[in-house]
Amino acid sequence: AFVEHGLAGRSLPAKLYYIGPMFRYERPQAGRYRQFHQFGMEVVGAASPEADAEVIATPLAIFGAMGIQDVVVNLNSIGCPACKPAYRQRLREAYAPVLGRLCESCRARYDRNPLRLLDCKSDECRAALPEPPTIFGQLCPECGAHFDGLRRLLDKLGVEYVINPRLVRGLDYYTKTTFEYNVGGIGSQDAIGGGGRYDGLVEECGGAPTPAVGVACGLERCVLAARANASDEQYQAGLDVFIVSMGDAARERAFELAHEMRCAGLAADFDMVGRGLKAQMRYAGKMRARFVAILGDEELAAGQATIKDMSTGEQTRISQGELATCIGAGSAVNGE
């Protein structure tokens, strides 16, 4: 798409994202559906390790917002066309004595792409050569400097990672950086996303030589991980605040306040179907609202709202301008 739509003619790097349905040819299994949904991002036109670090760090923020905990970042470098051939040959030499113990797929990969031998999940194949040679002693100066730079940047961002010499990813066009996000609690298919650098792919697709790095994450996998990792409190979390309104003017103001609080990162809602006061309070309870903000004629005239803590029953009045701050801090009533 980058080549087809002429994006190379624009200012680089191009930072792109996508989200949508995908389809899998392989046999479906738990966490690997025939149709699934994927989101991803690409930085095209930047060869620096800063691009890699940004692409790795951004999904971690998304995972955090989804409530996914304990994400393990697996990291590796698989070199470039200058240093990868020597490593391939070294792998062939290491695996040659145990070739007969490898699975059928790995025996086929032995000549075509021995790097894929590292990625085999078969217990027999892993037992055949428990500690295959790593690439780190054979990276060319450029690849070595790039990987060292990436690690320094991730350290600066506070991103924890594990060096995994077996991580090669499933596509052959990757160069230098490869990475993967893994979580527990979702079965054997525990990767929720991954990616790497593919500096030669744009040229292979008919474009000019253009460095690029990208990541893709499976939405269904993320949902499974969020459910598996969430505490009961997180899984059952409701609204931060429900705004109860009495009268048309109050409903319009409730509409504005709900929007303001959503922009502040709070889960807020209001009545838009004309319920009475008691019905609105019952609805707020069903929505597991932590607080209720009540707007009547007196509150509107004073620019205030009556705030009720739904767990304690305590209530007080505060300025409408302080609603988002107080509710976000959990101190709308007790003043802590």
Protein backbone atom coordinates (compact mmCIF):
# COMPACT_ATOMS: atom_id res chain seq x y z
CA ALA A 1 0.00 0.00 0.00
CA PHE A 2 2.92 2.33 0.76
CA VAL A 3 4.26 1.83 -2.77
CA GLU A 4 0.87 1.69 -4.52
CA HIS A 5 -0.35 4.98 -3.06
CA GLY A 6 2.90 6.86 -3.61
CA LEU A 7 3.54 7.58 0.06
CA ALA A 8 7.28 7.55 -0.57
CA GLY A 9 6.86 10.94 -2.25
CA ARG A 10 5.70 12.53 0.99
CA SER A 11 7.81 13.62 3.92
CA LEU A 12 9.34 10.64 5.68
CA PRO A 13 9.12 8.92 8.01
CA ALA A 14 5.51 7.97 7.44
CA LYS A 15 3.77 6.85 10.62
CA LEU A 16 0.79 4.67 9.77
CA TYR A 17 -1.73 2.58 11.69
CA TYR A 18 -4.52 0.20 10.77
CA ILE A 19 -7.24 -1.85 12.42
CA GLY A 20 -9.58 -4.36 10.84
CA PRO A 21 -10.56 -7.97 10.12
CA MET A 22 -8.03 -10.54 8.92
CA PHE A 23 -8.33 -14.16 7.80
CA ARG A 24 -6.13 -17.15 8.60
CA TYR A 25 -5.53 -20.09 6.25
CA GLU A 26 -4.10 -22.40 8.92
CA ARG A 27 -6.23 -24.62 11.14
CA PRO A 28 -8.07 -22.51 13.75
CA GLN A 29 -7.44 -23.19 17.43
CA ALA A 30 -7.85 -21.41 20.76
CA GLY A 31 -6.75 -17.82 20.27
CA ARG A 32 -6.16 -18.41 16.53
CA TYR A 33 -9.51 -17.93 14.79
CA ARG A 34 -10.33 -18.25 11.08
CA GLN A 35 -11.39 -14.60 11.09
CA PHE A 36 -9.73 -12.35 13.60
CA HIS A 37 -9.09 -8.65 14.10
CA GLN A 38 -5.74 -6.97 14.14
CA PHE A 39 -4.35 -3.53 14.86
CA GLY A 40 -0.89 -2.37 14.01
CA MET A 41 1.41 0.51 13.25
CA GLU A 42 4.33 1.07 10.93
CA VAL A 43 7.13 3.63 10.78
CA VAL A 44 8.36 3.72 7.19
CA GLY A 45 11.43 5.71 6.20
CA ALA A 46 13.41 5.69 9.46
CA ALA A 47 16.40 3.41 10.00
CA SER A 48 17.24 4.60 13.51
CA PRO A 49 16.70 2.53 16.67
CA GLU A 50 14.42 5.32 17.92
CA ALA A 51 11.80 4.13 15.42
CA ASP A 52 12.06 0.57 16.75
CA ALA A 53 11.77 1.75 20.36
CA GLU A 54 8.70 3.87 19.59
CA VAL A 55 6.99 0.99 17.79
CA ILE A 56 7.73 -1.39 20.68
CA ALA A 57 6.63 1.02 23.42
CA THR A 58 3.36 2.25 21.90
CA PRO A 59 1.39 -1.04 22.14
CA LEU A 60 2.51 -1.39 25.76
CA ALA A 61 0.56 1.78 26.56
CA ILE A 62 -2.47 0.31 24.77
CA PHE A 63 -2.16 -2.96 26.69
CA GLY A 64 -2.02 -1.00 29.94
CA ALA A 65 -5.17 0.92 29.06
CA MET A 66 -6.89 -2.42 28.37
CA GLY A 67 -5.93 -3.74 31.80
CA ILE A 68 -3.47 -6.30 30.45
CA GLN A 69 -0.81 -6.91 33.08
CA ASP A 70 2.59 -8.61 33.18
CA VAL A 71 3.38 -8.32 29.48
CA VAL A 72 6.78 -9.82 28.64
CA VAL A 73 8.65 -8.19 25.76
CA ASN A 74 10.85 -10.75 24.01
CA LEU A 75 13.59 -9.11 21.94
CA ASN A 76 16.15 -10.30 19.40
CA SER A 77 18.19 -9.26 16.38
CA ILE A 78 18.43 -11.52 13.35
CA GLY A 79 20.97 -9.43 11.47
CA CYS A 80 20.88 -8.14 7.91
CA PRO A 81 21.92 -9.44 4.46
CA ALA A 82 25.54 -8.68 5.38
CA CYS A 83 25.72 -10.90 8.47
CA LYS A 84 22.71 -13.23 8.28
CA PRO A 85 24.19 -15.66 5.66
CA ALA A 86 27.11 -16.59 7.92
CA TYR A 87 24.73 -17.21 10.81
CA ARG A 88 22.50 -19.38 8.62
CA GLN A 89 25.51 -21.51 7.74
CA ARG A 90 26.51 -21.76 11.39
CA LEU A 91 23.01 -23.00 12.23
CA ARG A 92 23.14 -25.62 9.49
CA GLU A 93 26.43 -26.90 10.87
CA ALA A 94 25.02 -27.02 14.41
CA TYR A 95 21.82 -28.82 13.42
CA ALA A 96 23.39 -31.24 10.92
CA PRO A 97 24.26 -33.93 13.52
CA VAL A 98 20.67 -33.96 14.87
CA LEU A 99 18.81 -33.49 11.58
CA GLY A 100 17.19 -36.91 11.82
CA ARG A 101 15.63 -36.01 15.17
CA LEU A 102 13.87 -32.91 13.84
CA CYS A 103 10.23 -32.77 12.78
CA GLU A 104 9.28 -32.93 9.11
CA SER A 105 8.73 -29.16 8.88
CA CYS A 106 12.15 -28.41 10.36
CA ARG A 107 13.90 -30.83 8.04
CA ALA A 108 12.33 -28.94 5.13
CA ARG A 109 13.45 -25.63 6.60
CA TYR A 110 17.02 -26.81 7.17
CA ASP A 111 18.17 -25.87 3.65
CA ARG A 112 15.63 -23.18 2.80
CA ASN A 113 15.74 -21.05 5.96
CA PRO A 114 17.49 -22.57 8.98
CA LEU A 115 16.58 -19.56 11.15
CA ARG A 116 13.05 -20.99 11.34
CA LEU A 117 14.46 -24.02 13.16
CA LEU A 118 14.86 -21.75 16.19
CA ASP A 119 11.16 -20.95 16.21
CA CYS A 120 9.84 -24.52 16.21
CA LYS A 121 7.61 -25.22 19.24
CA SER A 122 8.05 -29.01 19.04
CA ASP A 123 9.51 -30.42 22.26
CA GLU A 124 11.46 -32.99 20.25
CA CYS A 125 13.11 -30.34 18.07
CA ARG A 126 14.00 -28.19 21.05
CA ALA A 127 15.43 -31.17 22.88
CA ALA A 128 17.54 -32.12 19.84
CA LEU A 129 19.59 -28.93 20.25
CA PRO A 130 18.68 -27.20 23.53
CA GLU A 131 21.16 -24.35 23.10
CA PRO A 132 21.62 -23.47 19.43
CA PRO A 133 24.26 -20.87 18.54
CA THR A 134 23.13 -17.26 18.81
CA ILE A 135 23.74 -14.51 16.30
CA PHE A 136 25.20 -12.00 18.73
CA GLY A 137 28.81 -12.94 18.08
CA GLN A 138 28.25 -12.60 14.34
CA LEU A 139 26.29 -9.37 13.99
CA CYS A 140 27.97 -6.90 11.67
CA PRO A 141 29.02 -3.56 13.25
CA GLU A 142 25.92 -1.80 11.92
CA CYS A 143 23.49 -4.41 13.30
CA GLY A 144 25.35 -4.62 16.60
CA ALA A 145 25.26 -0.85 17.07
CA HIS A 146 21.58 -0.75 16.14
CA PHE A 147 20.66 -3.43 18.68
CA ASP A 148 22.74 -1.80 21.43
CA GLY A 149 21.09 1.55 20.67
CA LEU A 150 17.62 0.02 20.83
CA ARG A 151 18.32 -1.56 24.20
CA ARG A 152 19.59 1.76 25.60
CA LEU A 153 16.42 3.51 24.43
CA LEU A 154 14.13 0.87 25.92
CA ASP A 155 16.05 1.15 29.18
CA LYS A 156 15.50 4.92 29.15
CA LEU A 157 11.76 4.36 28.67
CA GLY A 158 11.66 1.85 31.50
CA VAL A 159 10.56 -0.94 29.16
CA GLU A 160 11.55 -4.31 30.57
CA TYR A 161 12.52 -6.93 28.02
CA VAL A 162 14.01 -10.40 27.72
CA ILE A 163 16.68 -11.20 25.15
CA ASN A 164 15.37 -14.27 23.32
CA PRO A 165 17.87 -15.64 20.75
CA ARG A 166 15.20 -18.03 19.40
CA LEU A 167 12.82 -15.24 18.40
CA VAL A 168 12.86 -15.01 14.59
CA ARG A 169 9.14 -14.39 13.80
CA GLY A 170 7.26 -16.31 11.13
CA LEU A 171 8.00 -14.23 8.03
CA ASP A 172 11.28 -14.27 6.18
CA TYR A 173 11.53 -10.58 5.32
CA TYR A 174 12.51 -9.40 8.82
CA THR A 175 15.92 -7.81 9.36
CA LYS A 176 17.68 -6.68 12.52
CA THR A 177 15.06 -6.22 15.25
CA THR A 178 12.38 -8.80 16.05
CA PHE A 179 10.12 -8.62 19.11
CA GLU A 180 7.04 -10.22 20.58
CA TYR A 181 4.63 -9.54 23.46
CA ASN A 182 3.70 -12.54 25.61
CA VAL A 183 1.31 -12.89 28.54
CA GLY A 184 0.23 -15.74 30.77
CA GLY A 185 -3.22 -17.14 31.30
CA ILE A 186 -4.38 -17.49 27.68
CA GLY A 187 -3.07 -20.94 26.82
CA SER A 188 -0.19 -22.08 24.65
CA GLN A 189 -0.80 -19.30 22.11
CA ASP A 190 0.42 -16.65 24.54
CA ALA A 191 1.68 -14.04 22.07
CA ILE A 192 -0.67 -11.06 21.78
CA GLY A 193 1.44 -9.22 19.23
CA GLY A 194 4.84 -8.75 17.71
CA GLY A 195 6.81 -7.34 14.85
CA GLY A 196 10.20 -6.16 13.76
CA ARG A 197 12.24 -4.33 11.19
CA TYR A 198 11.86 -5.08 7.48
CA ASP A 199 14.30 -2.79 5.70
CA GLY A 200 14.16 -4.66 2.38
CA LEU A 201 10.41 -5.19 2.00
CA VAL A 202 9.48 -1.90 0.30
CA GLU A 203 12.12 -2.52 -2.36
CA GLU A 204 10.89 -6.11 -2.83
CA CYS A 205 7.41 -4.68 -3.47
CA GLY A 206 8.70 -2.40 -6.24
CA GLY A 207 9.60 0.73 -4.30
CA ALA A 208 12.89 2.43 -3.60
CA PRO A 209 15.11 1.07 -0.81
CA THR A 210 13.28 2.25 2.32
CA PRO A 211 13.85 1.20 5.94
CA ALA A 212 10.76 0.31 7.96
CA VAL A 213 9.65 -1.20 11.25
CA GLY A 214 6.20 -2.29 12.36
CA VAL A 215 4.05 -4.17 14.84
CA ALA A 216 0.76 -6.08 14.71
CA CYS A 217 -1.44 -7.16 17.63
CA GLY A 218 -4.43 -9.49 17.74
CA LEU A 219 -7.53 -7.93 19.27
CA GLU A 220 -9.08 -11.26 20.26
CA ARG A 221 -5.82 -12.26 21.95
CA CYS A 222 -5.81 -8.93 23.79
CA VAL A 223 -9.37 -9.51 25.00
CA LEU A 224 -8.41 -12.98 26.26
CA ALA A 225 -5.38 -11.50 28.03
CA ALA A 226 -7.40 -8.67 29.59
CA ARG A 227 -9.94 -11.15 30.95
CA ALA A 228 -7.27 -13.51 32.23
CA ASN A 229 -5.21 -10.80 33.91
CA ALA A 230 -7.93 -8.56 35.30
CA SER A 231 -8.79 -8.65 38.98
CA ASP A 232 -12.43 -9.15 39.96
CA GLU A 233 -12.65 -5.44 40.73
CA GLN A 234 -11.30 -4.48 37.30
CA TYR A 235 -13.44 -7.04 35.47
CA GLN A 236 -16.61 -5.80 37.17
CA ALA A 237 -15.74 -2.12 37.01
CA GLY A 238 -18.64 0.17 36.21
CA LEU A 239 -19.02 3.89 35.68
CA ASP A 240 -16.96 6.45 37.52
CA VAL A 241 -19.97 8.75 37.60
CA PHE A 242 -23.58 8.84 36.46
CA ILE A 243 -25.09 12.31 36.12
CA VAL A 244 -28.69 12.50 37.30
CA SER A 245 -30.63 15.41 35.79
CA MET A 246 -34.01 16.90 36.64
CA GLY A 247 -35.49 18.92 33.80
CA ASP A 248 -34.50 19.77 30.24
CA ALA A 249 -31.92 22.42 31.18
CA ALA A 250 -30.26 20.03 33.61
CA ARG A 251 -30.17 17.27 31.00
CA GLU A 252 -28.37 19.56 28.53
CA ARG A 253 -25.83 20.45 31.21
CA ALA A 254 -25.45 16.75 32.10
CA PHE A 255 -24.69 16.07 28.44
CA GLU A 256 -21.90 18.67 28.52
CA LEU A 257 -20.44 17.44 31.80
CA ALA A 258 -20.44 13.80 30.67
CA HIS A 259 -18.47 14.81 27.58
CA GLU A 260 -15.98 16.81 29.67
CA MET A 261 -15.41 13.91 32.05
CA ARG A 262 -14.96 11.41 29.24
CA CYS A 263 -12.32 13.70 27.78
CA ALA A 264 -10.64 13.59 31.20
CA GLY A 265 -10.47 9.79 30.97
CA LEU A 266 -13.45 9.01 33.21
CA ALA A 267 -16.26 6.55 32.48
CA ALA A 268 -19.27 8.86 32.62
CA ASP A 269 -22.88 8.66 31.50
CA PHE A 270 -26.17 10.54 31.90
CA ASP A 271 -29.88 9.97 31.40
CA MET A 272 -31.03 10.59 27.85
CA VAL A 273 -34.43 8.86 27.95
CA GLY A 274 -36.30 11.04 30.46
CA ARG A 275 -36.32 8.81 33.56
CA GLY A 276 -37.49 10.19 36.89
CA LEU A 277 -35.12 10.79 39.80
CA LYS A 278 -35.63 7.39 41.47
CA ALA A 279 -35.39 5.53 38.17
CA GLN A 280 -32.13 7.33 37.35
CA MET A 281 -30.70 6.37 40.74
CA ARG A 282 -31.68 2.73 40.21
CA TYR A 283 -30.09 2.80 36.76
CA ALA A 284 -26.88 4.28 38.21
CA GLY A 285 -26.79 1.36 40.64
CA LYS A 286 -27.19 -1.16 37.82
CA MET A 287 -24.31 0.53 36.00
CA ARG A 288 -22.18 0.15 39.17
CA ALA A 289 -21.45 3.88 39.26
CA ARG A 290 -19.00 4.90 41.99
CA PHE A 291 -20.52 8.37 42.22
CA VAL A 292 -23.74 10.04 41.21
CA ALA A 293 -23.76 13.74 40.31
CA ILE A 294 -27.22 15.26 40.76
CA LEU A 295 -28.24 18.35 38.80
CA GLY A 296 -31.43 20.15 39.77
CA ASP A 297 -32.58 23.75 39.56
CA GLU A 298 -30.63 24.78 42.67
CA GLU A 299 -27.43 23.14 41.47
CA LEU A 300 -27.73 24.71 38.02
CA ALA A 301 -28.27 28.18 39.46
CA ALA A 302 -25.23 27.83 41.73
CA GLY A 303 -22.98 26.15 39.14
CA GLN A 304 -22.68 23.15 41.45
CA ALA A 305 -23.59 19.46 41.60
CA THR A 306 -24.67 17.28 44.50
CA ILE A 307 -22.28 14.32 44.62
CA LYS A 308 -23.26 11.03 46.24
CA ASP A 309 -20.80 8.24 46.99
CA MET A 310 -22.76 5.12 46.05
CA SER A 311 -20.77 2.87 48.39
CA THR A 312 -21.17 4.96 51.56
CA GLY A 313 -24.27 7.03 50.85
CA GLU A 314 -22.42 10.22 51.81
CA GLN A 315 -23.09 13.28 49.71
CA THR A 316 -21.95 16.87 49.36
CA ARG A 317 -21.99 19.74 46.91
CA ILE A 318 -19.02 20.78 44.81
CA SER A 319 -18.43 23.13 41.90
CA GLN A 320 -19.20 21.65 38.50
CA GLY A 321 -15.74 22.71 37.40
CA GLU A 322 -14.20 20.45 40.06
CA LEU A 323 -16.20 17.34 39.15
CA ALA A 324 -13.64 15.66 36.90
CA THR A 325 -10.72 16.32 39.25
CA CYS A 326 -12.51 15.18 42.41
CA ILE A 327 -14.09 12.09 40.87
CA GLY A 328 -10.84 11.12 39.17
CA ALA A 329 -9.10 11.30 42.55
CA GLY A 330 -11.92 9.39 44.25
CA SER A 331 -12.38 12.27 46.69
CA ALA A 332 -15.60 13.85 45.48
CA VAL A 333 -17.28 13.37 48.87
CA ASN A 334 -14.71 12.68 51.56
CA GLY A 335 -12.35 15.50 50.54
CA GLU A 336 -9.22 13.37 50.85
